Amino acid sequence: MSNSTIEAEISFRFLSLDKFQAYSLVREILGATHKEEAESNRYIASVPLTKQNLEDINDYYVRQRVEVEACDIFVSVNTEATTCSIAVPAIVNRMLKYIDCKLTFSYTVI
């Protein structure tokens, strides 16, 4: 079953930032958010992956010297359909050309 009305939310995540990195990311890239992981004293930050901020994400990644293992592209789908197929937007392939990180998928039936 294919349903073109179901869309995926795509974000780029930094999985292990220190406090300074997390707070500077939010100031530098529009739409960025972060949360502290209490047990590790590190921060997970998320940035919506869009054409407008692709370069900003890459610049931040390079400037902060983030390890490729400490980031991912997160694809999240919330739907009422138990079975469907979703096309991942081309922006994901484009980002992988800049930063060849892992992909993480979340599919939630609501």
Protein backbone atom coordinates (compact mmCIF):
# COMPACT_ATOMS: atom_id res chain seq x y z
CA MET A 1 0.00 0.00 0.00
CA SER A 2 1.37 3.40 -0.92
CA ASN A 3 0.03 6.60 0.57
CA SER A 4 1.44 9.87 -0.68
CA THR A 5 -0.38 11.93 1.98
CA ILE A 6 1.81 10.50 4.73
CA GLU A 7 4.97 12.50 5.19
CA ALA A 8 8.14 11.80 7.05
CA GLU A 9 9.73 14.31 9.41
CA ILE A 10 13.44 14.47 8.73
CA SER A 11 16.03 15.85 11.11
CA PHE A 12 19.78 15.75 11.52
CA ARG A 13 20.82 14.80 15.04
CA PHE A 14 24.02 15.42 16.95
CA LEU A 15 24.04 12.61 19.52
CA SER A 16 26.76 13.67 21.94
CA LEU A 17 27.41 17.39 22.31
CA ASP A 18 28.79 19.17 25.34
CA LYS A 19 26.84 22.04 26.90
CA PHE A 20 28.64 24.77 24.97
CA GLN A 21 28.15 22.98 21.64
CA ALA A 22 24.45 22.39 22.33
CA TYR A 23 23.74 25.99 23.23
CA SER A 24 25.76 27.40 20.34
CA LEU A 25 23.96 25.11 17.88
CA VAL A 26 20.58 26.52 18.92
CA ARG A 27 21.88 30.06 18.37
CA GLU A 28 23.47 29.26 15.01
CA ILE A 29 20.86 27.15 13.20
CA LEU A 30 17.19 28.05 12.94
CA GLY A 31 14.89 25.40 14.40
CA ALA A 32 17.62 23.53 16.32
CA THR A 33 16.70 22.06 19.71
CA HIS A 34 18.56 20.09 22.35
CA LYS A 35 18.00 18.05 25.48
CA GLU A 36 20.39 16.90 28.16
CA GLU A 37 21.01 13.23 28.79
CA ALA A 38 21.26 13.25 32.59
CA GLU A 39 23.25 10.03 32.99
CA SER A 40 25.97 11.03 30.52
CA ASN A 41 25.99 14.81 31.02
CA ARG A 42 25.92 15.14 27.20
CA TYR A 43 23.31 16.69 24.91
CA ILE A 44 21.34 15.35 21.99
CA ALA A 45 20.52 18.08 19.49
CA SER A 46 18.14 17.95 16.56
CA VAL A 47 17.91 20.19 13.49
CA PRO A 48 15.14 19.97 10.88
CA LEU A 49 16.80 18.85 7.65
CA THR A 50 15.83 21.39 4.99
CA LYS A 51 17.42 22.90 1.89
CA GLN A 52 17.82 26.16 3.81
CA ASN A 53 19.92 24.74 6.64
CA LEU A 54 21.84 21.94 4.91
CA GLU A 55 24.98 24.08 4.57
CA ASP A 56 24.63 25.39 8.15
CA ILE A 57 24.51 21.83 9.51
CA ASN A 58 27.57 20.85 7.51
CA ASP A 59 29.48 23.97 8.59
CA TYR A 60 28.64 23.33 12.24
CA TYR A 61 29.64 19.66 11.93
CA VAL A 62 33.04 20.60 10.49
CA ARG A 63 33.70 23.51 12.88
CA GLN A 64 32.85 21.48 15.97
CA ARG A 65 34.78 18.43 14.71
CA VAL A 66 31.89 16.09 15.44
CA GLU A 67 32.66 12.41 14.84
CA VAL A 68 30.51 10.79 12.15
CA GLU A 69 29.50 8.11 14.71
CA ALA A 70 28.05 10.87 16.92
CA CYS A 71 25.34 11.94 14.49
CA ASP A 72 22.54 10.55 12.38
CA ILE A 73 19.70 11.45 10.07
CA PHE A 74 16.44 10.70 11.84
CA VAL A 75 13.38 9.83 9.74
CA SER A 76 10.16 9.78 11.75
CA VAL A 77 6.69 8.81 10.55
CA ASN A 78 3.52 9.05 12.63
CA THR A 79 0.48 7.60 10.88
CA GLU A 80 -2.79 5.79 11.37
CA ALA A 81 -1.88 3.32 8.62
CA THR A 82 -0.41 0.03 9.82
CA THR A 83 1.17 -0.65 6.44
CA CYS A 84 2.32 1.86 3.88
CA SER A 85 5.33 2.93 1.91
CA ILE A 86 6.94 6.34 2.34
CA ALA A 87 9.33 8.00 -0.05
CA VAL A 88 12.31 9.48 1.76
CA PRO A 89 12.91 13.00 0.41
CA ALA A 90 15.93 13.70 -1.81
CA ILE A 91 17.34 16.03 0.87
CA VAL A 92 18.43 12.90 2.78
CA ASN A 93 20.59 11.71 -0.14
CA ARG A 94 21.98 15.19 -0.52
CA MET A 95 22.97 15.34 3.14
CA LEU A 96 24.61 11.92 2.95
CA LYS A 97 26.92 13.33 0.27
CA TYR A 98 28.13 15.88 2.82
CA ILE A 99 28.12 13.72 5.95
CA ASP A 100 27.94 9.96 5.42
CA CYS A 101 26.28 9.17 8.75
CA LYS A 102 23.85 6.46 9.73
CA LEU A 103 20.10 6.62 9.15
CA THR A 104 17.65 6.02 11.99
CA PHE A 105 13.98 5.33 11.28
CA SER A 106 10.93 5.60 13.52
CA TYR A 107 7.49 4.41 12.39
CA THR A 108 4.68 4.94 14.87
CA VAL A 109 1.05 3.94 14.39
CA ILE A 110 -1.22 6.36 16.23
